[in-house]
């Protein structure tokens, strides 16, 4: 299959996290079209587990979807600036959001999160042999750290769990896929 050729591109909107680009393209058969693409720097996510086998998750409100979400620690990774590797970004995000450092790391996969309208990719890792420390949250982050067994995490995909009086579920596709990849790799 041939790739489509971009004939024009303009930035419709941007902030420090995303850039929305409107692109005109030509298909191999000569027909043309218009696409709105959300471009990101990329991200990292970590399935970290403690010595008891509990998975470290973060509970937070996600404004775009208006949901209370349970997720693996994850965040931005500027894969294009070359200042850090994917595993270094994952180590940074795990430490920032949970205060945890891990001694054992395994790269699970790199996944596309929203192929229909974004170039967003997330590098997924599993980590264990953890050491507790201080968190360093970004100003806009409001996060609670939660530990669940794998079985409890799987139940939270379908059923709400209550954390400090608030109902949460795991609906984030990146988190769900990472949990099962980590399980398949015998990391949780």
Protein backbone atom coordinates (compact mmCIF):
# COMPACT_ATOMS: atom_id res chain seq x y z
CA UNK A 1 0.00 0.00 0.00
CA UNK A 2 1.36 3.42 -0.93
CA UNK A 3 1.56 6.26 1.54
CA UNK A 4 -0.55 9.35 1.14
CA UNK A 5 1.37 12.49 0.19
CA UNK A 6 0.91 15.67 2.24
CA UNK A 7 0.43 18.65 -0.09
CA UNK A 8 -0.18 21.39 2.48
CA UNK A 9 0.01 21.74 6.24
CA UNK A 10 -0.90 24.50 8.68
CA UNK A 11 -0.94 24.70 12.47
CA UNK A 12 -4.51 25.38 13.62
CA UNK A 13 -3.70 25.39 17.36
CA UNK A 14 -0.84 24.59 19.71
CA UNK A 15 0.15 24.66 23.37
CA UNK A 16 3.01 23.09 25.33
CA UNK A 17 1.48 19.57 25.07
CA UNK A 18 -0.09 19.31 21.60
CA UNK A 19 -0.17 20.80 18.14
CA UNK A 20 -3.28 20.49 15.96
CA UNK A 21 -2.36 20.49 12.29
CA UNK A 22 -4.72 20.70 9.34
CA UNK A 23 -3.22 18.80 6.42
CA UNK A 24 -4.27 18.48 2.80
CA UNK A 25 -3.20 15.21 1.20
CA UNK A 26 -3.25 13.26 -2.02
CA UNK A 27 -3.92 9.53 -2.11
CA UNK A 28 -2.08 7.19 -4.50
CA UNK A 29 -5.15 7.17 -6.78
CA UNK A 30 -4.96 10.98 -7.16
CA UNK A 31 -7.95 11.88 -4.97
CA UNK A 32 -7.39 14.51 -2.29
CA UNK A 33 -8.63 15.10 1.21
CA UNK A 34 -8.27 17.05 4.43
CA UNK A 35 -7.16 15.67 7.78
CA UNK A 36 -6.95 17.22 11.24
CA UNK A 37 -4.02 15.65 13.11
CA UNK A 38 -3.16 16.03 16.80
CA UNK A 39 0.64 15.92 17.02
CA UNK A 40 2.37 15.19 20.31
CA UNK A 41 5.90 14.79 21.60
CA UNK A 42 5.03 11.28 22.75
CA UNK A 43 4.92 9.71 26.16
CA UNK A 44 5.99 6.97 28.53
CA UNK A 45 4.11 4.73 30.94
CA UNK A 46 5.26 2.41 33.73
CA UNK A 47 3.71 -0.67 35.30
CA UNK A 48 5.60 -0.63 38.61
CA UNK A 49 5.09 -3.31 41.22
CA UNK A 50 6.21 -3.58 44.84
CA UNK A 51 7.72 -6.58 46.63
CA UNK A 52 4.21 -7.81 47.53
CA UNK A 53 3.29 -7.85 43.83
CA UNK A 54 0.94 -4.88 44.08
CA UNK A 55 0.81 -2.55 41.10
CA UNK A 56 1.42 1.15 41.67
CA UNK A 57 -1.34 3.21 40.05
CA UNK A 58 -2.29 6.86 40.12
CA UNK A 59 -5.83 8.10 40.71
CA UNK A 60 -6.70 11.40 39.09
CA UNK A 61 -9.49 13.35 37.42
CA UNK A 62 -9.13 13.54 33.63
CA UNK A 63 -10.74 16.76 32.44
CA UNK A 64 -11.01 15.97 28.68
CA UNK A 65 -13.13 12.86 29.33
CA UNK A 66 -14.70 14.08 32.61
CA UNK A 67 -13.75 10.86 34.42
CA UNK A 68 -12.02 9.81 37.62
CA UNK A 69 -9.30 7.58 36.25
CA UNK A 70 -6.95 4.95 37.66
CA UNK A 71 -3.85 4.69 35.47
CA UNK A 72 -0.25 3.61 35.40
CA UNK A 73 2.16 6.48 36.05
CA UNK A 74 2.79 8.12 32.69
CA UNK A 75 3.69 11.39 31.13
CA UNK A 76 5.31 13.32 28.35
CA UNK A 77 8.51 12.26 26.65
CA UNK A 78 9.95 14.59 24.04
CA UNK A 79 11.37 11.87 21.84
CA UNK A 80 12.57 14.44 19.32
CA UNK A 81 14.80 16.65 21.48
CA UNK A 82 17.32 13.95 22.39
CA UNK A 83 17.81 15.06 26.00
CA UNK A 84 16.63 11.79 27.53
CA UNK A 85 15.94 8.23 26.46
CA UNK A 86 12.52 6.62 26.79
CA UNK A 87 13.58 4.65 29.88
CA UNK A 88 15.03 7.82 31.46
CA UNK A 89 11.71 9.59 30.83
CA UNK A 90 9.84 6.64 32.37
CA UNK A 91 12.11 6.73 35.42
CA UNK A 92 11.52 10.49 35.74
CA UNK A 93 7.73 10.17 35.46
CA UNK A 94 7.56 7.30 37.97
CA UNK A 95 9.60 9.34 40.47
CA UNK A 96 7.65 12.58 39.88
CA UNK A 97 4.18 11.05 40.23
CA UNK A 98 4.78 8.39 42.89
CA UNK A 99 8.14 9.13 44.55
CA UNK A 100 9.31 5.66 43.53
CA UNK A 101 12.61 4.65 41.97
CA UNK A 102 12.97 1.15 40.53
CA UNK A 103 16.04 -1.02 40.11
CA UNK A 104 14.74 -3.46 37.50
CA UNK A 105 13.30 -2.22 34.18
CA UNK A 106 11.85 -4.03 31.17
CA UNK A 107 10.71 -2.35 27.96
CA UNK A 108 7.29 -3.77 27.05
CA UNK A 109 6.32 -2.06 23.78
CA UNK A 110 5.75 1.20 21.98
CA UNK A 111 2.07 1.76 21.17
CA UNK A 112 0.05 4.29 19.19
CA UNK A 113 -2.75 5.62 21.36
CA UNK A 114 -5.14 7.33 18.91
CA UNK A 115 -4.27 6.24 15.37
CA UNK A 116 -7.43 7.72 13.86
CA UNK A 117 -6.42 11.32 14.50
CA UNK A 118 -3.07 11.53 16.31
CA UNK A 119 0.58 10.56 15.94
CA UNK A 120 0.80 10.00 19.72
CA UNK A 121 3.06 7.13 20.77
CA UNK A 122 3.71 5.84 24.29
CA UNK A 123 6.74 3.78 25.29
CA UNK A 124 5.63 1.24 27.91
CA UNK A 125 7.82 -0.27 30.63
CA UNK A 126 7.50 -2.60 33.59
CA UNK A 127 9.57 -1.98 36.70
CA UNK A 128 10.10 -3.62 40.07
CA UNK A 129 12.68 -3.68 42.87
CA UNK A 130 11.26 -0.33 43.99
CA UNK A 131 12.49 2.19 46.55
CA UNK A 132 10.12 4.74 48.10
CA UNK A 133 10.94 8.45 47.98
CA UNK A 134 9.48 11.95 47.63
CA UNK A 135 7.05 12.90 44.86
CA UNK A 136 7.59 15.96 42.68
CA UNK A 137 4.27 16.68 40.96
CA UNK A 138 3.80 19.21 38.18
CA UNK A 139 1.72 22.24 39.20
CA UNK A 140 -1.37 21.04 37.32
CA UNK A 141 -1.28 17.47 38.69
CA UNK A 142 -3.62 16.28 41.46
CA UNK A 143 -2.73 12.63 41.94
CA UNK A 144 -3.28 9.97 44.61
CA UNK A 145 -1.02 6.90 44.62
CA UNK A 146 -2.88 3.58 44.88
CA UNK A 147 -1.62 -0.01 45.03
CA UNK A 148 -3.70 -2.90 43.73
CA UNK A 149 -3.04 -6.54 43.00
CA UNK A 150 -3.25 -7.51 39.34
CA UNK A 151 -6.62 -9.15 39.99
CA UNK A 152 -7.96 -5.99 41.69
CA UNK A 153 -6.71 -3.89 38.77
CA UNK A 154 -8.48 -6.14 36.27
CA UNK A 155 -11.71 -5.85 38.30
CA UNK A 156 -11.31 -2.04 38.23
CA UNK A 157 -11.61 -2.17 34.43
CA UNK A 158 -15.27 -3.14 34.78
CA UNK A 159 -16.22 -2.01 38.28
CA UNK A 160 -15.65 1.21 40.19
CA UNK A 161 -13.44 1.19 43.24
CA UNK A 162 -13.70 3.87 45.90
CA UNK A 163 -10.59 5.81 46.90
CA UNK A 164 -11.00 8.50 49.57
CA UNK A 165 -14.74 8.63 48.86
CA UNK A 166 -14.37 8.98 45.08
CA UNK A 167 -15.26 6.27 42.53
CA UNK A 168 -12.52 5.38 40.02
CA UNK A 169 -12.20 2.91 37.14
CA UNK A 170 -9.44 1.86 34.77
CA UNK A 171 -10.70 2.92 31.33
CA UNK A 172 -7.41 4.18 29.88
CA UNK A 173 -6.46 1.89 26.97
CA UNK A 174 -2.73 2.46 27.47
CA UNK A 175 -3.01 1.34 31.09
CA UNK A 176 -5.07 -1.73 30.22
CA UNK A 177 -2.70 -2.88 27.50
CA UNK A 178 0.38 -2.21 29.67
CA UNK A 179 -1.06 -4.21 32.58
CA UNK A 180 -1.60 -7.27 30.41
CA UNK A 181 1.79 -6.91 28.70
CA UNK A 182 3.49 -6.72 32.10
CA UNK A 183 1.56 -9.78 33.26
CA UNK A 184 2.55 -11.65 30.10
CA UNK A 185 6.21 -10.74 30.80
CA UNK A 186 5.88 -12.07 34.39
CA UNK A 187 6.60 -8.61 35.82
CA UNK A 188 3.37 -8.50 37.90
